[in-house]
């Protein structure tokens, strides 16, 4: 949990620095417009990719296969959509990286390995005895 708080502080500091730099380079109103524009584009892209992932999952289920790839795609699309809606340039870059199918396929193995490690170490579920 401590690593999460540290990462959150680092990301927020980076976003603030990028806002200040962008405000100086292109102006305050242009920066605000760019943030709003990336949010709108992010919502549209997340909706489009989300519907595509749902269709892929339906297709896999129709053929009697477990839609594990579609589930990982769904996780990536969800996280990417949230990051694109969040104001900031760094989070927008990571969000687009998670939403585009070509780049999403590069990160899916890492997410799968991370989720598998959580299940293997029983850190995903809280077990009460």
C-alpha atoms as a PDB file:
ATOM      1  CA  UNK A   1       0.000   0.000   0.000  1.00  0.00           C
ATOM      2  CA  UNK A   2       2.900   2.326   0.680  1.00  0.00           C
ATOM      3  CA  UNK A   3       4.208   1.930  -2.873  1.00  0.00           C
ATOM      4  CA  UNK A   4       0.789   3.001  -4.159  1.00  0.00           C
ATOM      5  CA  UNK A   5       0.852   6.208  -2.116  1.00  0.00           C
ATOM      6  CA  UNK A   6       4.407   6.945  -3.219  1.00  0.00           C
ATOM      7  CA  UNK A   7       3.517   6.376  -6.875  1.00  0.00           C
ATOM      8  CA  UNK A   8       0.444   8.580  -6.516  1.00  0.00           C
ATOM      9  CA  UNK A   9       2.541  11.417  -5.091  1.00  0.00           C
ATOM     10  CA  UNK A  10       5.152  11.065  -7.849  1.00  0.00           C
ATOM     11  CA  UNK A  11       2.512  10.985 -10.595  1.00  0.00           C
ATOM     12  CA  UNK A  12       0.678  14.005  -9.165  1.00  0.00           C
ATOM     13  CA  UNK A  13       3.924  15.966  -8.901  1.00  0.00           C
ATOM     14  CA  UNK A  14       4.776  15.043 -12.492  1.00  0.00           C
ATOM     15  CA  UNK A  15       1.326  16.140 -13.670  1.00  0.00           C
ATOM     16  CA  UNK A  16       1.622  19.483 -11.896  1.00  0.00           C
ATOM     17  CA  UNK A  17       5.061  20.049 -13.427  1.00  0.00           C
ATOM     18  CA  UNK A  18       3.706  19.207 -16.880  1.00  0.00           C
ATOM     19  CA  UNK A  19       0.757  21.587 -16.370  1.00  0.00           C
ATOM     20  CA  UNK A  20       3.098  24.423 -15.428  1.00  0.00           C
ATOM     21  CA  UNK A  21       5.418  23.705 -18.343  1.00  0.00           C
ATOM     22  CA  UNK A  22       2.528  23.475 -20.783  1.00  0.00           C
ATOM     23  CA  UNK A  23       1.001  26.673 -19.436  1.00  0.00           C
ATOM     24  CA  UNK A  24       4.262  28.497 -20.040  1.00  0.00           C
ATOM     25  CA  UNK A  25       4.769  27.020 -23.514  1.00  0.00           C
ATOM     26  CA  UNK A  26       1.315  27.205 -25.089  1.00  0.00           C
ATOM     27  CA  UNK A  27      -0.652  29.326 -22.626  1.00  0.00           C
ATOM     28  CA  UNK A  28      -3.129  28.637 -19.869  1.00  0.00           C
ATOM     29  CA  UNK A  29      -6.290  28.537 -21.994  1.00  0.00           C
ATOM     30  CA  UNK A  30      -4.694  26.322 -24.608  1.00  0.00           C
ATOM     31  CA  UNK A  31      -3.617  23.932 -21.855  1.00  0.00           C
ATOM     32  CA  UNK A  32      -7.140  23.851 -20.407  1.00  0.00           C
ATOM     33  CA  UNK A  33      -8.607  23.277 -23.884  1.00  0.00           C
ATOM     34  CA  UNK A  34      -6.117  20.469 -24.506  1.00  0.00           C
ATOM     35  CA  UNK A  35      -7.059  18.787 -21.216  1.00  0.00           C
ATOM     36  CA  UNK A  36     -10.766  18.992 -22.062  1.00  0.00           C
ATOM     37  CA  UNK A  37     -10.151  17.731 -25.593  1.00  0.00           C
ATOM     38  CA  UNK A  38      -8.170  14.709 -24.386  1.00  0.00           C
ATOM     39  CA  UNK A  39     -10.969  13.924 -21.939  1.00  0.00           C
ATOM     40  CA  UNK A  40     -13.583  13.990 -24.703  1.00  0.00           C
ATOM     41  CA  UNK A  41     -11.428  11.907 -27.039  1.00  0.00           C
ATOM     42  CA  UNK A  42     -10.714   9.518 -24.167  1.00  0.00           C
ATOM     43  CA  UNK A  43     -14.397   8.955 -23.449  1.00  0.00           C
ATOM     44  CA  UNK A  44     -15.099   8.263 -27.121  1.00  0.00           C
ATOM     45  CA  UNK A  45     -12.125   5.916 -27.499  1.00  0.00           C
ATOM     46  CA  UNK A  46     -12.926   4.062 -24.263  1.00  0.00           C
ATOM     47  CA  UNK A  47     -16.531   3.562 -25.370  1.00  0.00           C
ATOM     48  CA  UNK A  48     -15.477   2.309 -28.796  1.00  0.00           C
ATOM     49  CA  UNK A  49     -12.853  -0.072 -27.426  1.00  0.00           C
ATOM     50  CA  UNK A  50     -15.142  -1.234 -24.618  1.00  0.00           C
ATOM     51  CA  UNK A  51     -17.849  -2.222 -27.081  1.00  0.00           C
ATOM     52  CA  UNK A  52     -15.242  -4.032 -29.171  1.00  0.00           C
ATOM     53  CA  UNK A  53     -14.039  -5.964 -26.108  1.00  0.00           C
ATOM     54  CA  UNK A  54     -17.613  -6.943 -25.212  1.00  0.00           C
ATOM     55  CA  UNK A  55     -18.172  -8.252 -28.741  1.00  0.00           C
ATOM     56  CA  UNK A  56     -14.926 -10.250 -28.560  1.00  0.00           C
ATOM     57  CA  UNK A  57     -15.999 -11.757 -25.224  1.00  0.00           C
ATOM     58  CA  UNK A  58     -19.409 -12.685 -26.653  1.00  0.00           C
ATOM     59  CA  UNK A  59     -17.757 -14.329 -29.630  1.00  0.00           C
ATOM     60  CA  UNK A  60     -15.416 -16.356 -27.421  1.00  0.00           C
ATOM     61  CA  UNK A  61     -18.303 -17.477 -25.210  1.00  0.00           C
ATOM     62  CA  UNK A  62     -20.373 -18.392 -28.268  1.00  0.00           C
ATOM     63  CA  UNK A  63     -17.626 -20.746 -29.425  1.00  0.00           C
ATOM     64  CA  UNK A  64     -17.360 -22.257 -25.941  1.00  0.00           C
ATOM     65  CA  UNK A  65     -14.003 -20.745 -25.028  1.00  0.00           C
ATOM     66  CA  UNK A  66     -13.079 -18.831 -21.907  1.00  0.00           C
ATOM     67  CA  UNK A  67     -12.717 -15.130 -22.848  1.00  0.00           C
ATOM     68  CA  UNK A  68      -9.521 -14.594 -20.842  1.00  0.00           C
ATOM     69  CA  UNK A  69      -7.958 -12.324 -23.477  1.00  0.00           C
ATOM     70  CA  UNK A  70     -11.130 -10.259 -23.651  1.00  0.00           C
ATOM     71  CA  UNK A  71     -11.200  -9.979 -19.865  1.00  0.00           C
ATOM     72  CA  UNK A  72      -7.633  -8.658 -19.833  1.00  0.00           C
ATOM     73  CA  UNK A  73      -8.562  -6.284 -22.656  1.00  0.00           C
ATOM     74  CA  UNK A  74     -11.514  -5.124 -20.572  1.00  0.00           C
ATOM     75  CA  UNK A  75      -9.270  -4.428 -17.590  1.00  0.00           C
ATOM     76  CA  UNK A  76      -6.909  -2.435 -19.815  1.00  0.00           C
ATOM     77  CA  UNK A  77      -9.774  -0.482 -21.393  1.00  0.00           C
ATOM     78  CA  UNK A  78     -11.282   0.302 -17.987  1.00  0.00           C
ATOM     79  CA  UNK A  79      -8.002   1.540 -16.550  1.00  0.00           C
ATOM     80  CA  UNK A  80      -7.127   3.412 -19.754  1.00  0.00           C
ATOM     81  CA  UNK A  81     -10.527   5.107 -19.845  1.00  0.00           C
ATOM     82  CA  UNK A  82     -10.232   6.239 -16.241  1.00  0.00           C
ATOM     83  CA  UNK A  83      -6.732   7.567 -16.882  1.00  0.00           C
ATOM     84  CA  UNK A  84      -7.887   9.497 -19.959  1.00  0.00           C
ATOM     85  CA  UNK A  85     -10.749  11.100 -18.063  1.00  0.00           C
ATOM     86  CA  UNK A  86      -8.349  12.096 -15.280  1.00  0.00           C
ATOM     87  CA  UNK A  87      -6.840  15.502 -16.072  1.00  0.00           C
ATOM     88  CA  UNK A  88      -3.164  15.332 -16.883  1.00  0.00           C
ATOM     89  CA  UNK A  89      -0.778  14.686 -19.722  1.00  0.00           C
ATOM     90  CA  UNK A  90       1.140  11.749 -18.262  1.00  0.00           C
ATOM     91  CA  UNK A  91      -2.066   9.900 -17.359  1.00  0.00           C
ATOM     92  CA  UNK A  92      -3.385  10.624 -20.866  1.00  0.00           C
ATOM     93  CA  UNK A  93      -0.325   9.047 -22.453  1.00  0.00           C
ATOM     94  CA  UNK A  94      -0.636   5.933 -20.294  1.00  0.00           C
ATOM     95  CA  UNK A  95      -4.404   5.840 -20.930  1.00  0.00           C
ATOM     96  CA  UNK A  96      -3.981   5.943 -24.709  1.00  0.00           C
ATOM     97  CA  UNK A  97      -1.306   3.269 -24.413  1.00  0.00           C
ATOM     98  CA  UNK A  98      -3.816   1.019 -22.621  1.00  0.00           C
ATOM     99  CA  UNK A  99      -6.701   1.766 -24.998  1.00  0.00           C
ATOM    100  CA  UNK A 100      -5.085   1.159 -28.356  1.00  0.00           C
ATOM    101  CA  UNK A 101      -5.184  -2.539 -29.322  1.00  0.00           C
ATOM    102  CA  UNK A 102      -1.644  -2.593 -30.734  1.00  0.00           C
ATOM    103  CA  UNK A 103      -0.030  -1.241 -27.572  1.00  0.00           C
ATOM    104  CA  UNK A 104      -2.484  -3.025 -25.278  1.00  0.00           C
ATOM    105  CA  UNK A 105      -1.290  -6.379 -26.608  1.00  0.00           C
ATOM    106  CA  UNK A 106       2.222  -5.516 -25.420  1.00  0.00           C
ATOM    107  CA  UNK A 107       1.129  -4.872 -21.825  1.00  0.00           C
ATOM    108  CA  UNK A 108      -1.388  -7.716 -21.450  1.00  0.00           C
ATOM    109  CA  UNK A 109       1.251 -10.362 -20.617  1.00  0.00           C
ATOM    110  CA  UNK A 110       2.553  -8.210 -17.756  1.00  0.00           C
ATOM    111  CA  UNK A 111      -0.943  -7.690 -16.351  1.00  0.00           C
ATOM    112  CA  UNK A 112      -1.676 -11.417 -16.654  1.00  0.00           C
ATOM    113  CA  UNK A 113       1.558 -12.267 -14.841  1.00  0.00           C
ATOM    114  CA  UNK A 114       0.791  -9.711 -12.116  1.00  0.00           C
ATOM    115  CA  UNK A 115      -2.749 -11.043 -11.602  1.00  0.00           C
ATOM    116  CA  UNK A 116      -1.441 -14.615 -11.523  1.00  0.00           C
ATOM    117  CA  UNK A 117       1.057 -13.675  -8.834  1.00  0.00           C
ATOM    118  CA  UNK A 118      -1.723 -12.082  -6.802  1.00  0.00           C
ATOM    119  CA  UNK A 119      -3.789 -15.263  -7.022  1.00  0.00           C
ATOM    120  CA  UNK A 120      -0.802 -17.512  -6.281  1.00  0.00           C
ATOM    121  CA  UNK A 121       0.203 -15.576  -3.165  1.00  0.00           C
ATOM    122  CA  UNK A 122      -3.432 -15.234  -2.021  1.00  0.00           C
ATOM    123  CA  UNK A 123      -3.013 -11.460  -1.943  1.00  0.00           C
ATOM    124  CA  UNK A 124      -6.022 -10.982  -4.220  1.00  0.00           C
ATOM    125  CA  UNK A 125      -8.507 -12.474  -1.803  1.00  0.00           C
ATOM    126  CA  UNK A 126      -8.605 -11.931   1.920  1.00  0.00           C
ATOM    127  CA  UNK A 127      -8.884 -15.331   3.549  1.00  0.00           C
ATOM    128  CA  UNK A 128     -10.351 -15.414   7.032  1.00  0.00           C
ATOM    129  CA  UNK A 129      -9.899 -18.503   9.195  1.00  0.00           C
END
